[in-house]
Amino acid sequence: MRRAFTLVELLVVVAIIALLAAILMPVLSKARESARKSACQTNLRQIGTAFSLYASDHDGFYPCNGDPNLWMGRNWRVVIQPYLPGSRIQSLPPGYSQPLTVQHSDVLLCPSDERAIQVWERTSYAYSAAFFHSTSQINSLATLLRGSSCASWANIVSALRNLPTIAQNEAQVVYPAQKGLSAEWLSNHEKFPNDCGFWSWDGSTNYLFADGHVKFLRRRQIAPAVNDLPDINLTVDGIAGKDLK
């Protein structure tokens, strides 16, 4: 005759299962986030290919359509939409008077970026403003923006909006393996409160460089820009400068 489990034995089994779950959950969570980070890196590589194809079709020039807010994800995607895979949707980015048919796909969305889904039309990445402003323009903002912080974001945005756009060419990139072309705006894989993107020294993010390679870096590995922040929009010497220290 088979003996049933006693209450004590059942409690021991439940305790063991709970202990194993407590041990495995952080491991599984870390593995899931690692997979999402890799997916985000794949997205950026595809975005890098799109930029390269655009430049190839435009005599080596990077996207520049006169929009001072082109660095924002929902704006630059309009320009390279023919080079990105995905379905087409209607969008009205700031500064555009008529709805635009925007090609959108999950390539534009980092899987760990909930904020982009809520407020940025599922676009997680920014395009460095150094690729549509001249070196002298970028450097001219040093006096105005030196010593900026997250709290100074409105001044930084205003300064960028007041700069006339000037198309830059691939030949002008002096350090393609060290100049950031695009990146996740937020620290999606090491989240922290009040993350203000390129204007924060905390956190880590995936960066796409002008030579097409993608690397996950701490923001503190990025060289200070003209505003004294890890801002690849305002790299010292612009497209001719370096973001990697």
Protein backbone atom coordinates (compact mmCIF):
# COMPACT_ATOMS: atom_id res chain seq x y z
CA MET A 1 0.00 0.00 0.00
CA ARG A 2 1.38 3.42 -1.07
CA ARG A 3 1.97 5.97 1.65
CA ALA A 4 0.69 9.51 1.00
CA PHE A 5 2.88 12.56 1.51
CA THR A 6 2.68 14.08 4.94
CA LEU A 7 1.98 17.79 5.38
CA VAL A 8 5.58 18.39 6.41
CA GLU A 9 6.88 16.67 3.29
CA LEU A 10 4.56 18.75 1.09
CA LEU A 11 5.71 21.94 2.77
CA VAL A 12 9.34 20.96 2.21
CA VAL A 13 8.67 20.36 -1.50
CA VAL A 14 6.88 23.72 -1.83
CA ALA A 15 9.76 25.46 -0.05
CA ILE A 16 12.31 23.86 -2.38
CA ILE A 17 10.30 24.92 -5.46
CA ALA A 18 10.00 28.46 -4.12
CA LEU A 19 13.75 28.59 -3.44
CA LEU A 20 14.58 27.35 -6.93
CA ALA A 21 12.20 29.91 -8.44
CA ALA A 22 13.83 32.69 -6.43
CA ILE A 23 17.26 31.59 -7.67
CA LEU A 24 16.23 31.13 -11.30
CA MET A 25 14.05 34.24 -11.79
CA PRO A 26 16.93 36.77 -11.79
CA VAL A 27 18.92 34.51 -14.12
CA LEU A 28 15.98 34.18 -16.52
CA SER A 29 15.28 37.92 -16.33
CA LYS A 30 18.90 38.70 -17.13
CA ALA A 31 18.88 36.27 -20.06
CA ARG A 32 15.68 37.82 -21.42
CA GLU A 33 17.15 41.32 -21.21
CA SER A 34 20.34 40.12 -22.90
CA ALA A 35 18.22 38.81 -25.78
CA ARG A 36 16.39 42.13 -26.03
CA LYS A 37 19.69 44.01 -26.05
CA SER A 38 20.89 41.81 -28.92
CA ALA A 39 17.65 42.46 -30.81
CA CYS A 40 18.19 46.18 -30.34
CA GLN A 41 21.73 45.85 -31.71
CA THR A 42 20.37 44.01 -34.75
CA ASN A 43 17.90 46.86 -35.28
CA LEU A 44 20.70 49.41 -35.23
CA ARG A 45 22.74 47.41 -37.74
CA GLN A 46 19.75 47.44 -40.12
CA ILE A 47 19.33 51.17 -39.51
CA GLY A 48 23.02 51.59 -40.30
CA THR A 49 22.47 49.76 -43.60
CA ALA A 50 19.55 52.09 -44.36
CA PHE A 51 21.73 55.16 -43.76
CA SER A 52 24.44 53.68 -45.98
CA LEU A 53 21.97 53.00 -48.80
CA TYR A 54 20.58 56.52 -48.48
CA ALA A 55 24.08 58.01 -48.72
CA SER A 56 24.86 55.82 -51.72
CA ASP A 57 21.80 57.22 -53.51
CA HIS A 58 22.64 60.82 -52.56
CA ASP A 59 26.30 61.19 -53.62
CA GLY A 60 27.59 60.25 -50.19
CA PHE A 61 25.52 62.80 -48.26
CA TYR A 62 23.73 61.89 -45.05
CA PRO A 63 20.02 62.66 -44.55
CA CYS A 64 19.32 66.39 -44.37
CA ASN A 65 15.94 67.79 -45.38
CA GLY A 66 15.98 71.17 -43.67
CA ASP A 67 14.21 69.91 -40.54
CA PRO A 68 16.05 71.22 -37.43
CA ASN A 69 14.47 68.41 -35.39
CA LEU A 70 15.74 65.71 -37.73
CA TRP A 71 17.76 64.11 -34.92
CA MET A 72 14.51 63.04 -33.24
CA GLY A 73 13.46 59.49 -34.12
CA ARG A 74 10.01 60.25 -35.45
CA ASN A 75 11.52 62.82 -37.85
CA TRP A 76 14.61 61.14 -39.34
CA ARG A 77 12.72 57.93 -40.03
CA VAL A 78 10.66 59.89 -42.56
CA VAL A 79 13.78 60.49 -44.64
CA ILE A 80 15.13 56.92 -44.73
CA GLN A 81 11.76 55.18 -44.88
CA PRO A 82 12.35 53.69 -48.37
CA TYR A 83 15.38 51.82 -47.00
CA LEU A 84 13.70 50.26 -43.95
CA PRO A 85 11.63 47.06 -43.95
CA GLY A 86 8.10 47.20 -42.59
CA SER A 87 4.56 48.39 -43.17
CA ARG A 88 3.51 51.95 -43.97
CA ILE A 89 1.58 54.13 -41.52
CA GLN A 90 0.38 57.74 -41.47
CA SER A 91 2.38 60.09 -39.24
CA LEU A 92 2.54 63.82 -38.53
CA PRO A 93 5.87 64.69 -36.87
CA PRO A 94 6.30 68.19 -35.41
CA GLY A 95 7.01 70.76 -38.11
CA TYR A 96 5.25 68.88 -40.91
CA SER A 97 2.01 70.45 -42.14
CA GLN A 98 0.70 67.38 -43.94
CA PRO A 99 0.51 63.75 -42.80
CA LEU A 100 3.37 61.67 -44.14
CA THR A 101 3.29 58.04 -45.13
CA VAL A 102 5.98 56.67 -42.84
CA GLN A 103 7.46 53.24 -43.24
CA HIS A 104 7.52 51.73 -39.79
CA SER A 105 8.61 48.38 -38.47
CA ASP A 106 9.97 46.81 -35.33
CA VAL A 107 13.43 47.75 -36.61
CA LEU A 108 12.71 51.21 -35.16
CA LEU A 109 11.69 49.92 -31.74
CA CYS A 110 14.00 48.57 -29.07
CA PRO A 111 12.12 45.68 -27.38
CA SER A 112 12.92 47.08 -23.91
CA ASP A 113 11.73 50.62 -24.67
CA GLU A 114 8.24 51.11 -23.24
CA ARG A 115 8.48 54.91 -23.45
CA ALA A 116 8.86 54.92 -27.23
CA ILE A 117 5.60 53.01 -27.52
CA GLN A 118 3.84 55.58 -25.36
CA VAL A 119 5.20 58.90 -26.65
CA TRP A 120 7.54 58.52 -29.65
CA GLU A 121 5.48 56.51 -32.13
CA ARG A 122 7.47 53.34 -31.49
CA THR A 123 10.83 54.87 -32.45
CA SER A 124 13.64 54.30 -29.94
CA TYR A 125 16.67 55.73 -31.72
CA ALA A 126 18.06 59.22 -32.35
CA TYR A 127 20.12 60.37 -35.35
CA SER A 128 23.20 62.43 -34.54
CA ALA A 129 22.70 66.11 -35.50
CA ALA A 130 26.42 66.28 -36.29
CA PHE A 131 25.58 64.63 -39.63
CA PHE A 132 23.48 67.57 -40.79
CA HIS A 133 25.40 70.45 -39.21
CA SER A 134 28.92 71.63 -39.99
CA THR A 135 31.89 71.35 -37.65
CA SER A 136 31.96 75.12 -37.14
CA GLN A 137 28.24 75.17 -36.32
CA ILE A 138 28.61 72.48 -33.66
CA ASN A 139 31.68 74.08 -32.11
CA SER A 140 29.99 77.49 -32.07
CA LEU A 141 27.58 76.21 -29.40
CA ALA A 142 30.35 75.47 -26.90
CA THR A 143 30.15 78.83 -25.13
CA LEU A 144 26.37 78.81 -25.06
CA LEU A 145 25.94 75.23 -23.82
CA ARG A 146 29.07 74.53 -21.80
CA GLY A 147 28.24 73.03 -18.40
CA SER A 148 24.80 71.78 -19.46
CA SER A 149 22.92 69.14 -17.50
CA CYS A 150 19.72 67.16 -17.81
CA ALA A 151 17.88 70.22 -16.50
CA SER A 152 19.24 72.23 -19.45
CA TRP A 153 17.53 70.10 -22.09
CA ALA A 154 15.26 72.91 -23.30
CA ASN A 155 18.30 75.12 -24.00
CA ILE A 156 19.99 72.31 -25.94
CA VAL A 157 16.89 71.65 -28.07
CA SER A 158 16.48 75.38 -28.73
CA ALA A 159 20.13 75.73 -29.77
CA LEU A 160 19.79 72.85 -32.25
CA ARG A 161 16.59 74.30 -33.68
CA ASN A 162 18.29 77.63 -34.32
CA LEU A 163 21.08 76.09 -36.41
CA PRO A 164 20.49 76.01 -40.20
CA THR A 165 20.91 72.45 -41.48
CA ILE A 166 23.85 71.66 -43.75
CA ALA A 167 24.20 68.23 -45.37
CA GLN A 168 27.42 66.42 -44.45
CA ASN A 169 29.22 63.88 -46.59
CA GLU A 170 30.69 60.48 -45.73
CA ALA A 171 34.11 61.77 -46.83
CA GLN A 172 34.02 64.29 -43.98
CA VAL A 173 33.91 61.60 -41.29
CA VAL A 174 37.45 61.47 -39.95
CA TYR A 175 36.97 58.70 -37.37
CA PRO A 176 34.10 56.49 -38.64
CA ALA A 177 34.70 53.81 -36.00
CA GLN A 178 34.50 56.39 -33.21
CA LYS A 179 31.78 58.81 -34.35
CA GLY A 180 28.26 57.87 -33.29
CA LEU A 181 25.66 57.99 -36.06
CA SER A 182 22.64 56.79 -34.09
CA ALA A 183 21.85 55.33 -30.68
CA GLU A 184 19.09 54.36 -28.31
CA TRP A 185 17.83 57.53 -26.68
CA LEU A 186 17.20 55.88 -23.31
CA SER A 187 19.21 53.47 -21.18
CA ASN A 188 16.72 50.71 -21.95
CA HIS A 189 18.76 47.78 -20.65
CA GLU A 190 19.86 49.37 -17.38
CA LYS A 191 16.87 51.51 -16.55
CA PHE A 192 16.93 54.26 -13.92
CA PRO A 193 14.51 57.06 -12.93
CA ASN A 194 14.55 60.40 -14.78
CA ASP A 195 16.68 59.17 -17.66
CA CYS A 196 17.13 62.08 -20.08
CA GLY A 197 18.95 60.26 -22.84
CA PHE A 198 22.09 61.80 -24.35
CA TRP A 199 21.98 64.44 -21.61
CA SER A 200 22.70 62.05 -18.76
CA TRP A 201 25.99 60.45 -17.71
CA ASP A 202 24.19 57.54 -16.04
CA GLY A 203 23.14 54.34 -17.76
CA SER A 204 24.23 52.41 -20.84
CA THR A 205 23.00 52.13 -24.39
CA ASN A 206 23.62 50.65 -27.82
CA TYR A 207 25.47 52.92 -30.26
CA LEU A 208 25.68 52.70 -34.04
CA PHE A 209 28.91 54.17 -35.40
CA ALA A 210 29.53 55.70 -38.81
CA ASP A 211 31.44 52.63 -40.01
CA GLY A 212 28.35 50.48 -39.38
CA HIS A 213 29.41 48.63 -36.23
CA VAL A 214 27.25 48.60 -33.11
CA LYS A 215 28.48 48.53 -29.53
CA PHE A 216 26.86 48.53 -26.10
CA LEU A 217 28.58 51.18 -23.99
CA ARG A 218 28.22 53.01 -20.72
CA ARG A 219 27.53 56.65 -21.32
CA ARG A 220 30.63 57.44 -19.29
CA GLN A 221 32.63 55.82 -22.09
CA ILE A 222 31.47 58.60 -24.43
CA ALA A 223 33.62 61.72 -24.68
CA PRO A 224 32.10 64.99 -23.44
CA ALA A 225 30.47 66.97 -26.25
CA VAL A 226 30.51 70.77 -26.56
CA ASN A 227 27.78 70.87 -23.89
CA ASP A 228 29.91 68.75 -21.50
CA LEU A 229 27.50 65.82 -21.83
CA PRO A 230 27.72 62.42 -23.63
CA ASP A 231 25.72 63.96 -26.48
CA ILE A 232 26.54 62.51 -29.90
CA ASN A 233 24.47 65.31 -31.45
CA LEU A 234 27.08 67.86 -30.39
CA THR A 235 30.38 66.02 -30.67
CA VAL A 236 33.38 68.33 -30.43
CA ASP A 237 34.39 69.03 -34.08
CA GLY A 238 31.09 67.50 -35.22
CA ILE A 239 31.35 64.89 -37.93
CA ALA A 240 35.16 65.19 -37.83
CA GLY A 241 35.31 64.42 -34.11
CA LYS A 242 35.22 61.37 -31.85
CA ASP A 243 32.55 60.15 -29.45
CA LEU A 244 34.63 57.31 -28.05
CA LYS A 245 37.23 58.44 -25.54
